[in-house]
Every structure is written in C-alpha cells, then in structure tokens.
Amino acid sequence: MRRFDLKNMRTSVIDEITEMRIRQYEQLTGTPVQLPVPVENIVEQILELDFDWVDIDEHEGEQILAGLVPEQRRIVLNSRHLDLFQTKPGLERSTIGHEAGHWDIDIDRTSLHHPLLPGFEMQDNVVRRQAADRKVLVEVLNRAVYDERYFELYRELTAGQDSPEVKSAVDRYQSSLLMPAWLIRAAVDEVDVTNWSQLYGLAEAARVTISNLVVRLHRLNIIYIPEGTKDVYPGRDAFIGQLHLFT
C-alpha cells in the first residue's frame, strides 16, 4: 500500500505538502527560506532522513543515481556517479528531493518491517537492489535519469501524456520542494522568462538543472514552449494571443 493515491494526486496537493515541510523548517530555524532551498537540511531535520554514499549495482543499460533504505531512514547516493553529481550540483539536489518524495508521499511506513515473501524482490514500481555492501538493500524506482534528457519529458507533459504514477508524483514533489511557487513567482519578477540566458541564470540561483526549472515553470504556467521549438512565451495565454494576432 501507498500513503497516497499517487495516480490521482494533484500537483496542488503536492505543493501543499512541500510547503508544509518548508514552513516546519522555517519554524524550527526561525529563518525564512530563500532560493536556493536548503533541501539537505529540510530532509535531515524535518523528514529525519540521513544521507550516505554507496555503490549500487546497475544492470546493463541502467543508471541508478540514488535509492532509499526506508528501514534505516536513509537516502543513499550512488558513488558510481560521483563525478556526474559534482559537475551538476542541481542534479544531486533534485535526486535527494526525489528520494525524499518517496519517503513523504509514497512509502507506507507501517509496512516497513514486514518481511518480503521468499524469492520476491520487486514491489510495484520499486526494486530492491543490492549495494556493494551486501547488508544494504536499496529501494530504487524504475525512472529516467535526471539529466538534460529530462527535457524530453517536458514535451510529454505539454502533450498531456502523464508519466507512470509514482514517477510523476515524486518528480513533482522534488521540483515543488526545490522551487516553491511563492519563491519562483517572486524570482521571475526580476527576469525575462522568454530569455534563455536569464532562465539559465535563474536555474543557477535556485541550484537546479535547467530542465528541472523549465518543467516547473511550465507547471506553474509561467512559461510555454510550443512543441518542436525552443521559443519561450510567458505562459500559454501569451502564446495563444500571439497566434490570434496572425489569424
């Protein structure tokens, strides 16, 4: 069982959950959160999850950036991809947020200590994968890697094609946690969202990948990119209005 019905979980509900976590952190520290959101601190101090680096087995053609050891309340990052994380700090942050999403909205914590049936290693969309430390079983979601290829998911989103329910929900969780609506809306007041160089600057300020930012801005209807182009409009209405000028 899952904590929530992820298939029908609206982005607005996910936003409410991540906002609650951020407000809890603000209350704990007495300091308002600004960009970049201190995701590691929130995950550690509010969700009470630890971090570790381990070597996680990968099958041929598979790339696993991280996983969750729920029984130990531990997020593990795959040391095989340390160089990738170092070159893309936004990737590491989104990966941490993604695994935090599994803990916060996905996993049924009441069943954590229930033994698996003999011979069964797969549960729904989660695979229990052995780490190099044979005492550690890591839960990893079958998902696309968080790199620039994630931009292609943007095309699916604009076409109304949902990703698998769990992936969609926890991906939206990490983007909502890293880019809360009120902070992003305040930040875009200072930039031209139709200018790619300024969008890259905003991504750097928020310490997220540009692809992650683009998807979040689209979900908030702050930008719209017509399919097959890289032209950016300040929302879908602006794009529709532009079309009407030429029809």
C-alpha atoms as a PDB file:
ATOM      1  CA  MET A   1       0.000   0.000   0.000  1.00  0.00           C
ATOM      2  CA  ARG A   2       0.993   3.599  -0.585  1.00  0.00           C
ATOM      3  CA  ARG A   3       0.494   6.587   1.650  1.00  0.00           C
ATOM      4  CA  PHE A   4      -1.424   8.470  -1.043  1.00  0.00           C
ATOM      5  CA  ASP A   5      -3.289   7.693  -4.238  1.00  0.00           C
ATOM      6  CA  LEU A   6      -0.405   8.806  -6.436  1.00  0.00           C
ATOM      7  CA  LYS A   7      -2.257   8.142  -9.666  1.00  0.00           C
ATOM      8  CA  ASN A   8      -4.752  10.900  -8.908  1.00  0.00           C
ATOM      9  CA  MET A   9      -2.534  13.129  -6.784  1.00  0.00           C
ATOM     10  CA  ARG A  10      -2.798  16.699  -7.997  1.00  0.00           C
ATOM     11  CA  THR A  11       0.206  18.992  -8.155  1.00  0.00           C
ATOM     12  CA  SER A  12      -1.590  21.463  -5.881  1.00  0.00           C
ATOM     13  CA  VAL A  13      -1.743  18.794  -3.148  1.00  0.00           C
ATOM     14  CA  ILE A  14       1.962  18.046  -3.545  1.00  0.00           C
ATOM     15  CA  ASP A  15       2.674  21.779  -3.330  1.00  0.00           C
ATOM     16  CA  GLU A  16       0.766  21.912  -0.042  1.00  0.00           C
ATOM     17  CA  ILE A  17       2.817  19.055   1.405  1.00  0.00           C
ATOM     18  CA  THR A  18       6.187  20.513   0.404  1.00  0.00           C
ATOM     19  CA  GLU A  19       5.133  23.958   1.619  1.00  0.00           C
ATOM     20  CA  MET A  20       4.251  22.413   4.976  1.00  0.00           C
ATOM     21  CA  ARG A  21       7.740  20.901   5.181  1.00  0.00           C
ATOM     22  CA  ILE A  22       9.375  24.215   4.323  1.00  0.00           C
ATOM     23  CA  ARG A  23       7.240  26.096   6.870  1.00  0.00           C
ATOM     24  CA  GLN A  24       8.146  23.498   9.509  1.00  0.00           C
ATOM     25  CA  TYR A  25      11.815  24.125   8.763  1.00  0.00           C
ATOM     26  CA  GLU A  26      11.323  27.878   8.965  1.00  0.00           C
ATOM     27  CA  GLN A  27       9.607  27.489  12.326  1.00  0.00           C
ATOM     28  CA  LEU A  28      12.414  25.232  13.560  1.00  0.00           C
ATOM     29  CA  THR A  29      15.216  27.555  12.468  1.00  0.00           C
ATOM     30  CA  GLY A  30      13.455  30.908  12.808  1.00  0.00           C
ATOM     31  CA  THR A  31      14.737  31.872   9.354  1.00  0.00           C
ATOM     32  CA  PRO A  32      12.698  32.369   6.161  1.00  0.00           C
ATOM     33  CA  VAL A  33      13.699  30.025   3.345  1.00  0.00           C
ATOM     34  CA  GLN A  34      15.057  31.650   0.206  1.00  0.00           C
ATOM     35  CA  LEU A  35      16.467  30.292  -3.035  1.00  0.00           C
ATOM     36  CA  PRO A  36      18.350  28.013  -3.166  1.00  0.00           C
ATOM     37  CA  VAL A  37      16.124  25.991  -0.856  1.00  0.00           C
ATOM     38  CA  PRO A  38      18.263  24.136   1.735  1.00  0.00           C
ATOM     39  CA  VAL A  39      16.902  20.758   0.681  1.00  0.00           C
ATOM     40  CA  GLU A  40      19.520  18.714   2.545  1.00  0.00           C
ATOM     41  CA  ASN A  41      18.719  20.470   5.832  1.00  0.00           C
ATOM     42  CA  ILE A  42      14.963  20.083   5.350  1.00  0.00           C
ATOM     43  CA  VAL A  43      15.307  16.388   4.570  1.00  0.00           C
ATOM     44  CA  GLU A  44      17.579  15.813   7.559  1.00  0.00           C
ATOM     45  CA  GLN A  45      15.877  17.980  10.152  1.00  0.00           C
ATOM     46  CA  ILE A  46      12.203  17.725   9.161  1.00  0.00           C
ATOM     47  CA  LEU A  47      11.893  14.322   7.490  1.00  0.00           C
ATOM     48  CA  GLU A  48      14.687  12.952   9.712  1.00  0.00           C
ATOM     49  CA  LEU A  49      16.418  11.100   6.903  1.00  0.00           C
ATOM     50  CA  ASP A  50      20.175  10.555   6.742  1.00  0.00           C
ATOM     51  CA  PHE A  51      22.453  10.584   3.673  1.00  0.00           C
ATOM     52  CA  ASP A  52      25.160   8.192   2.593  1.00  0.00           C
ATOM     53  CA  TRP A  53      27.195   7.240  -0.460  1.00  0.00           C
ATOM     54  CA  VAL A  54      27.171   3.585  -1.502  1.00  0.00           C
ATOM     55  CA  ASP A  55      27.998   1.585  -4.605  1.00  0.00           C
ATOM     56  CA  ILE A  56      24.650   0.449  -6.039  1.00  0.00           C
ATOM     57  CA  ASP A  57      24.522  -2.394  -8.544  1.00  0.00           C
ATOM     58  CA  GLU A  58      23.319  -1.468 -12.014  1.00  0.00           C
ATOM     59  CA  HIS A  59      22.168  -3.772 -14.765  1.00  0.00           C
ATOM     60  CA  GLU A  60      23.295  -3.234 -18.349  1.00  0.00           C
ATOM     61  CA  GLY A  61      21.825  -0.036 -19.772  1.00  0.00           C
ATOM     62  CA  GLU A  62      20.624   1.094 -16.362  1.00  0.00           C
ATOM     63  CA  GLN A  63      21.594   4.237 -14.487  1.00  0.00           C
ATOM     64  CA  ILE A  64      20.664   4.479 -10.808  1.00  0.00           C
ATOM     65  CA  LEU A  65      21.521   7.786  -9.209  1.00  0.00           C
ATOM     66  CA  ALA A  66      20.183   7.069  -5.740  1.00  0.00           C
ATOM     67  CA  GLY A  67      17.843   4.989  -3.672  1.00  0.00           C
ATOM     68  CA  LEU A  68      16.180   4.734  -0.302  1.00  0.00           C
ATOM     69  CA  VAL A  69      16.806   2.388   2.592  1.00  0.00           C
ATOM     70  CA  PRO A  70      13.483   3.022   4.329  1.00  0.00           C
ATOM     71  CA  GLU A  71      14.060   0.745   7.303  1.00  0.00           C
ATOM     72  CA  GLN A  72      17.123   2.854   8.166  1.00  0.00           C
ATOM     73  CA  ARG A  73      15.573   6.190   7.155  1.00  0.00           C
ATOM     74  CA  ARG A  74      18.496   6.679   4.814  1.00  0.00           C
ATOM     75  CA  ILE A  75      18.905   8.151   1.334  1.00  0.00           C
ATOM     76  CA  VAL A  76      21.857   6.622  -0.474  1.00  0.00           C
ATOM     77  CA  LEU A  77      23.525   8.274  -3.451  1.00  0.00           C
ATOM     78  CA  ASN A  78      25.292   6.030  -5.926  1.00  0.00           C
ATOM     79  CA  SER A  79      29.042   6.568  -5.641  1.00  0.00           C
ATOM     80  CA  ARG A  80      29.422   5.287  -9.214  1.00  0.00           C
ATOM     81  CA  HIS A  81      28.080   8.649 -10.378  1.00  0.00           C
ATOM     82  CA  LEU A  82      30.019  10.928  -8.041  1.00  0.00           C
ATOM     83  CA  ASP A  83      31.656  12.733 -10.979  1.00  0.00           C
ATOM     84  CA  LEU A  84      28.257  13.404 -12.553  1.00  0.00           C
ATOM     85  CA  PHE A  85      26.902  14.837  -9.306  1.00  0.00           C
ATOM     86  CA  GLN A  86      29.979  17.032  -8.892  1.00  0.00           C
ATOM     87  CA  THR A  87      29.589  18.508 -12.363  1.00  0.00           C
ATOM     88  CA  LYS A  88      25.831  19.005 -11.897  1.00  0.00           C
ATOM     89  CA  PRO A  89      25.022  20.081  -8.314  1.00  0.00           C
ATOM     90  CA  GLY A  90      21.415  20.685  -9.322  1.00  0.00           C
ATOM     91  CA  LEU A  91      21.199  17.014 -10.272  1.00  0.00           C
ATOM     92  CA  GLU A  92      22.281  15.913  -6.798  1.00  0.00           C
ATOM     93  CA  ARG A  93      19.742  18.214  -5.148  1.00  0.00           C
ATOM     94  CA  SER A  94      16.870  17.028  -7.339  1.00  0.00           C
ATOM     95  CA  THR A  95      17.847  13.417  -6.714  1.00  0.00           C
ATOM     96  CA  ILE A  96      17.754  13.986  -2.940  1.00  0.00           C
ATOM     97  CA  GLY A  97      14.369  15.657  -3.312  1.00  0.00           C
ATOM     98  CA  HIS A  98      13.132  12.763  -5.409  1.00  0.00           C
ATOM     99  CA  GLU A  99      14.066  10.173  -2.785  1.00  0.00           C
ATOM    100  CA  ALA A 100      12.568  12.394  -0.070  1.00  0.00           C
ATOM    101  CA  GLY A 101       9.357  12.309  -2.071  1.00  0.00           C
ATOM    102  CA  HIS A 102       9.319   8.526  -1.862  1.00  0.00           C
ATOM    103  CA  TRP A 103       9.535   8.791   1.913  1.00  0.00           C
ATOM    104  CA  ASP A 104       6.999  11.586   2.317  1.00  0.00           C
ATOM    105  CA  ILE A 105       4.216  10.636  -0.095  1.00  0.00           C
ATOM    106  CA  ASP A 106       4.947   7.160  -1.437  1.00  0.00           C
ATOM    107  CA  ILE A 107       6.074   4.624   1.120  1.00  0.00           C
ATOM    108  CA  ASP A 108       3.617   3.065   3.551  1.00  0.00           C
ATOM    109  CA  ARG A 109       5.746   3.313   6.684  1.00  0.00           C
ATOM    110  CA  THR A 110       3.508   0.951   8.627  1.00  0.00           C
ATOM    111  CA  SER A 111       4.722  -1.925   6.440  1.00  0.00           C
ATOM    112  CA  LEU A 112       8.447  -1.161   6.576  1.00  0.00           C
ATOM    113  CA  HIS A 113       9.300  -4.056   8.836  1.00  0.00           C
ATOM    114  CA  HIS A 114       7.005  -6.606   7.216  1.00  0.00           C
ATOM    115  CA  PRO A 115       9.182  -9.378   5.712  1.00  0.00           C
ATOM    116  CA  LEU A 116       9.144  -9.954   1.969  1.00  0.00           C
ATOM    117  CA  LEU A 117       7.852 -13.285   0.721  1.00  0.00           C
ATOM    118  CA  PRO A 118      10.733 -15.657  -0.107  1.00  0.00           C
ATOM    119  CA  GLY A 119      12.083 -15.087  -3.595  1.00  0.00           C
ATOM    120  CA  PHE A 120      10.253 -11.818  -4.199  1.00  0.00           C
ATOM    121  CA  GLU A 121      12.412  -8.726  -4.690  1.00  0.00           C
ATOM    122  CA  MET A 122      10.107  -6.475  -6.732  1.00  0.00           C
ATOM    123  CA  GLN A 123       7.185  -4.474  -5.336  1.00  0.00           C
ATOM    124  CA  ASP A 124       5.069  -2.385  -7.739  1.00  0.00           C
ATOM    125  CA  ASN A 125       7.372   0.261  -9.250  1.00  0.00           C
ATOM    126  CA  VAL A 126      10.116  -0.273  -6.670  1.00  0.00           C
ATOM    127  CA  VAL A 127      13.003  -2.695  -6.997  1.00  0.00           C
ATOM    128  CA  ARG A 128      15.107  -3.728  -4.028  1.00  0.00           C
ATOM    129  CA  ARG A 129      18.651  -3.588  -5.377  1.00  0.00           C
ATOM    130  CA  GLN A 130      21.745  -4.912  -3.647  1.00  0.00           C
ATOM    131  CA  ALA A 131      24.501  -2.434  -2.852  1.00  0.00           C
ATOM    132  CA  ALA A 132      28.188  -3.293  -2.747  1.00  0.00           C
ATOM    133  CA  ASP A 133      27.761  -3.565   0.996  1.00  0.00           C
ATOM    134  CA  ARG A 134      25.788  -6.820   0.904  1.00  0.00           C
ATOM    135  CA  LYS A 135      23.964  -5.856   4.102  1.00  0.00           C
ATOM    136  CA  VAL A 136      22.295  -2.934   2.364  1.00  0.00           C
ATOM    137  CA  LEU A 137      19.219  -3.373   0.177  1.00  0.00           C
ATOM    138  CA  VAL A 138      18.348  -0.170  -1.635  1.00  0.00           C
ATOM    139  CA  GLU A 139      14.922   0.681  -2.984  1.00  0.00           C
ATOM    140  CA  VAL A 140      15.166   2.352  -6.373  1.00  0.00           C
ATOM    141  CA  LEU A 141      12.411   3.481  -8.664  1.00  0.00           C
ATOM    142  CA  ASN A 142      12.456   2.500 -12.320  1.00  0.00           C
ATOM    143  CA  ARG A 143      12.803   6.023 -13.687  1.00  0.00           C
ATOM    144  CA  ALA A 144      14.547   8.147 -16.255  1.00  0.00           C
ATOM    145  CA  VAL A 145      17.821   9.735 -15.253  1.00  0.00           C
ATOM    146  CA  TYR A 146      17.786  13.379 -14.147  1.00  0.00           C
ATOM    147  CA  ASP A 147      19.947  14.978 -16.786  1.00  0.00           C
ATOM    148  CA  GLU A 148      19.366  17.083 -19.861  1.00  0.00           C
ATOM    149  CA  ARG A 149      17.401  14.240 -21.403  1.00  0.00           C
ATOM    150  CA  TYR A 150      14.748  15.076 -18.832  1.00  0.00           C
ATOM    151  CA  PHE A 151      13.894  17.989 -21.117  1.00  0.00           C
ATOM    152  CA  GLU A 152      12.210  15.472 -23.394  1.00  0.00           C
ATOM    153  CA  LEU A 153       9.762  14.720 -20.598  1.00  0.00           C
ATOM    154  CA  TYR A 154       8.679  18.324 -20.892  1.00  0.00           C
ATOM    155  CA  ARG A 155       7.345  17.529 -24.347  1.00  0.00           C
ATOM    156  CA  GLU A 156       5.295  14.684 -22.925  1.00  0.00           C
ATOM    157  CA  LEU A 157       3.911  16.910 -20.196  1.00  0.00           C
ATOM    158  CA  THR A 158       2.832  19.589 -22.647  1.00  0.00           C
ATOM    159  CA  ALA A 159       1.184  16.912 -24.753  1.00  0.00           C
ATOM    160  CA  GLY A 160      -0.817  15.791 -21.736  1.00  0.00           C
ATOM    161  CA  GLN A 161       0.926  12.426 -21.532  1.00  0.00           C
ATOM    162  CA  ASP A 162       1.405  11.506 -17.884  1.00  0.00           C
ATOM    163  CA  SER A 163       4.424   9.600 -16.697  1.00  0.00           C
ATOM    164  CA  PRO A 164       3.875   6.488 -14.555  1.00  0.00           C
ATOM    165  CA  GLU A 165       2.053   7.500 -11.398  1.00  0.00           C
ATOM    166  CA  VAL A 166       4.854   7.120  -8.890  1.00  0.00           C
ATOM    167  CA  LYS A 167       7.494   8.758 -11.052  1.00  0.00           C
ATOM    168  CA  SER A 168       5.222  11.661 -11.841  1.00  0.00           C
ATOM    169  CA  ALA A 169       4.305  12.259  -8.203  1.00  0.00           C
ATOM    170  CA  VAL A 170       7.798  12.088  -6.714  1.00  0.00           C
ATOM    171  CA  ASP A 171       9.255  14.125  -9.582  1.00  0.00           C
ATOM    172  CA  ARG A 172       6.667  16.805  -8.895  1.00  0.00           C
ATOM    173  CA  TYR A 173       7.497  16.567  -5.194  1.00  0.00           C
ATOM    174  CA  GLN A 174      11.196  17.285  -5.747  1.00  0.00           C
ATOM    175  CA  SER A 175      10.531  20.207  -8.088  1.00  0.00           C
ATOM    176  CA  SER A 176       7.978  21.650  -5.680  1.00  0.00           C
ATOM    177  CA  LEU A 177      10.374  21.302  -2.745  1.00  0.00           C
ATOM    178  CA  LEU A 178      13.306  22.848  -4.622  1.00  0.00           C
ATOM    179  CA  MET A 179      11.209  25.511  -6.347  1.00  0.00           C
ATOM    180  CA  PRO A 180       8.266  26.552  -4.122  1.00  0.00           C
ATOM    181  CA  ALA A 181       5.683  28.514  -6.078  1.00  0.00           C
ATOM    182  CA  TRP A 182       5.933  31.682  -3.968  1.00  0.00           C
ATOM    183  CA  LEU A 183       9.720  31.866  -4.288  1.00  0.00           C
ATOM    184  CA  ILE A 184       9.712  31.126  -8.014  1.00  0.00           C
ATOM    185  CA  ARG A 185       6.993  33.685  -8.748  1.00  0.00           C
ATOM    186  CA  ALA A 186       8.950  36.307  -6.827  1.00  0.00           C
ATOM    187  CA  ALA A 187      12.152  35.371  -8.659  1.00  0.00           C
ATOM    188  CA  VAL A 188      10.654  35.559 -12.154  1.00  0.00           C
ATOM    189  CA  ASP A 189       9.522  39.117 -11.461  1.00  0.00           C
ATOM    190  CA  GLU A 190      13.199  40.020 -11.770  1.00  0.00           C
ATOM    191  CA  VAL A 191      13.927  38.170 -15.028  1.00  0.00           C
ATOM    192  CA  ASP A 192      12.713  37.938 -18.602  1.00  0.00           C
ATOM    193  CA  VAL A 193      11.332  34.399 -18.713  1.00  0.00           C
ATOM    194  CA  THR A 194      11.440  34.415 -22.536  1.00  0.00           C
ATOM    195  CA  ASN A 195      15.225  34.809 -22.460  1.00  0.00           C
ATOM    196  CA  TRP A 196      17.105  31.509 -22.223  1.00  0.00           C
ATOM    197  CA  SER A 197      20.243  33.062 -20.735  1.00  0.00           C
ATOM    198  CA  GLN A 198      18.183  34.561 -17.920  1.00  0.00           C
ATOM    199  CA  LEU A 199      16.444  31.229 -17.356  1.00  0.00           C
ATOM    200  CA  TYR A 200      19.855  29.601 -17.030  1.00  0.00           C
ATOM    201  CA  GLY A 201      20.748  32.295 -14.511  1.00  0.00           C
ATOM    202  CA  LEU A 202      17.611  31.536 -12.518  1.00  0.00           C
ATOM    203  CA  ALA A 203      18.387  27.813 -12.586  1.00  0.00           C
ATOM    204  CA  GLU A 204      21.852  28.576 -11.227  1.00  0.00           C
ATOM    205  CA  ALA A 205      20.398  30.772  -8.477  1.00  0.00           C
ATOM    206  CA  ALA A 206      17.967  28.021  -7.463  1.00  0.00           C
ATOM    207  CA  ARG A 207      20.697  25.379  -7.870  1.00  0.00           C
ATOM    208  CA  VAL A 208      18.574  23.202 -10.127  1.00  0.00           C
ATOM    209  CA  THR A 209      19.106  21.889 -13.632  1.00  0.00           C
ATOM    210  CA  ILE A 210      17.668  23.966 -16.452  1.00  0.00           C
ATOM    211  CA  SER A 211      15.417  21.065 -17.450  1.00  0.00           C
ATOM    212  CA  ASN A 212      14.015  20.824 -13.924  1.00  0.00           C
ATOM    213  CA  LEU A 213      13.343  24.573 -13.907  1.00  0.00           C
ATOM    214  CA  VAL A 214      11.632  24.510 -17.307  1.00  0.00           C
ATOM    215  CA  VAL A 215       9.250  21.754 -16.241  1.00  0.00           C
ATOM    216  CA  ARG A 216       8.389  23.572 -13.011  1.00  0.00           C
ATOM    217  CA  LEU A 217       7.797  26.894 -14.788  1.00  0.00           C
ATOM    218  CA  HIS A 218       5.554  25.124 -17.255  1.00  0.00           C
ATOM    219  CA  ARG A 219       3.527  23.525 -14.478  1.00  0.00           C
ATOM    220  CA  LEU A 220       3.081  26.943 -12.883  1.00  0.00           C
ATOM    221  CA  ASN A 221       2.047  28.368 -16.295  1.00  0.00           C
ATOM    222  CA  ILE A 222       4.864  30.882 -16.096  1.00  0.00           C
ATOM    223  CA  ILE A 223       6.246  29.804 -19.463  1.00  0.00           C
ATOM    224  CA  TYR A 224       5.026  27.924 -22.509  1.00  0.00           C
ATOM    225  CA  ILE A 225       7.230  26.346 -25.195  1.00  0.00           C
ATOM    226  CA  PRO A 226       5.407  25.241 -28.364  1.00  0.00           C
ATOM    227  CA  GLU A 227       6.155  21.703 -29.425  1.00  0.00           C
ATOM    228  CA  GLY A 228       9.052  21.409 -31.838  1.00  0.00           C
ATOM    229  CA  THR A 229      10.569  24.766 -30.887  1.00  0.00           C
ATOM    230  CA  LYS A 230      12.670  26.362 -28.177  1.00  0.00           C
ATOM    231  CA  ASP A 231      10.714  29.602 -28.323  1.00  0.00           C
ATOM    232  CA  VAL A 232       9.610  30.639 -24.841  1.00  0.00           C
ATOM    233  CA  TYR A 233       6.382  32.532 -24.149  1.00  0.00           C
ATOM    234  CA  PRO A 234       5.321  33.975 -20.779  1.00  0.00           C
ATOM    235  CA  GLY A 235       2.542  31.411 -20.333  1.00  0.00           C
ATOM    236  CA  ARG A 236       0.152  29.572 -22.635  1.00  0.00           C
ATOM    237  CA  ASP A 237      -2.234  32.531 -22.854  1.00  0.00           C
ATOM    238  CA  ALA A 238       0.542  34.691 -24.279  1.00  0.00           C
ATOM    239  CA  PHE A 239       1.226  32.067 -26.931  1.00  0.00           C
ATOM    240  CA  ILE A 240      -2.466  31.779 -27.842  1.00  0.00           C
ATOM    241  CA  GLY A 241      -2.733  35.552 -28.003  1.00  0.00           C
ATOM    242  CA  GLN A 242       0.241  35.699 -30.342  1.00  0.00           C
ATOM    243  CA  LEU A 243      -1.387  33.159 -32.632  1.00  0.00           C
ATOM    244  CA  HIS A 244      -4.594  35.214 -32.778  1.00  0.00           C
ATOM    245  CA  LEU A 245      -2.605  38.222 -33.979  1.00  0.00           C
ATOM    246  CA  PHE A 246      -1.679  36.338 -37.131  1.00  0.00           C
ATOM    247  CA  THR A 247      -5.014  34.636 -37.864  1.00  0.00           C
END
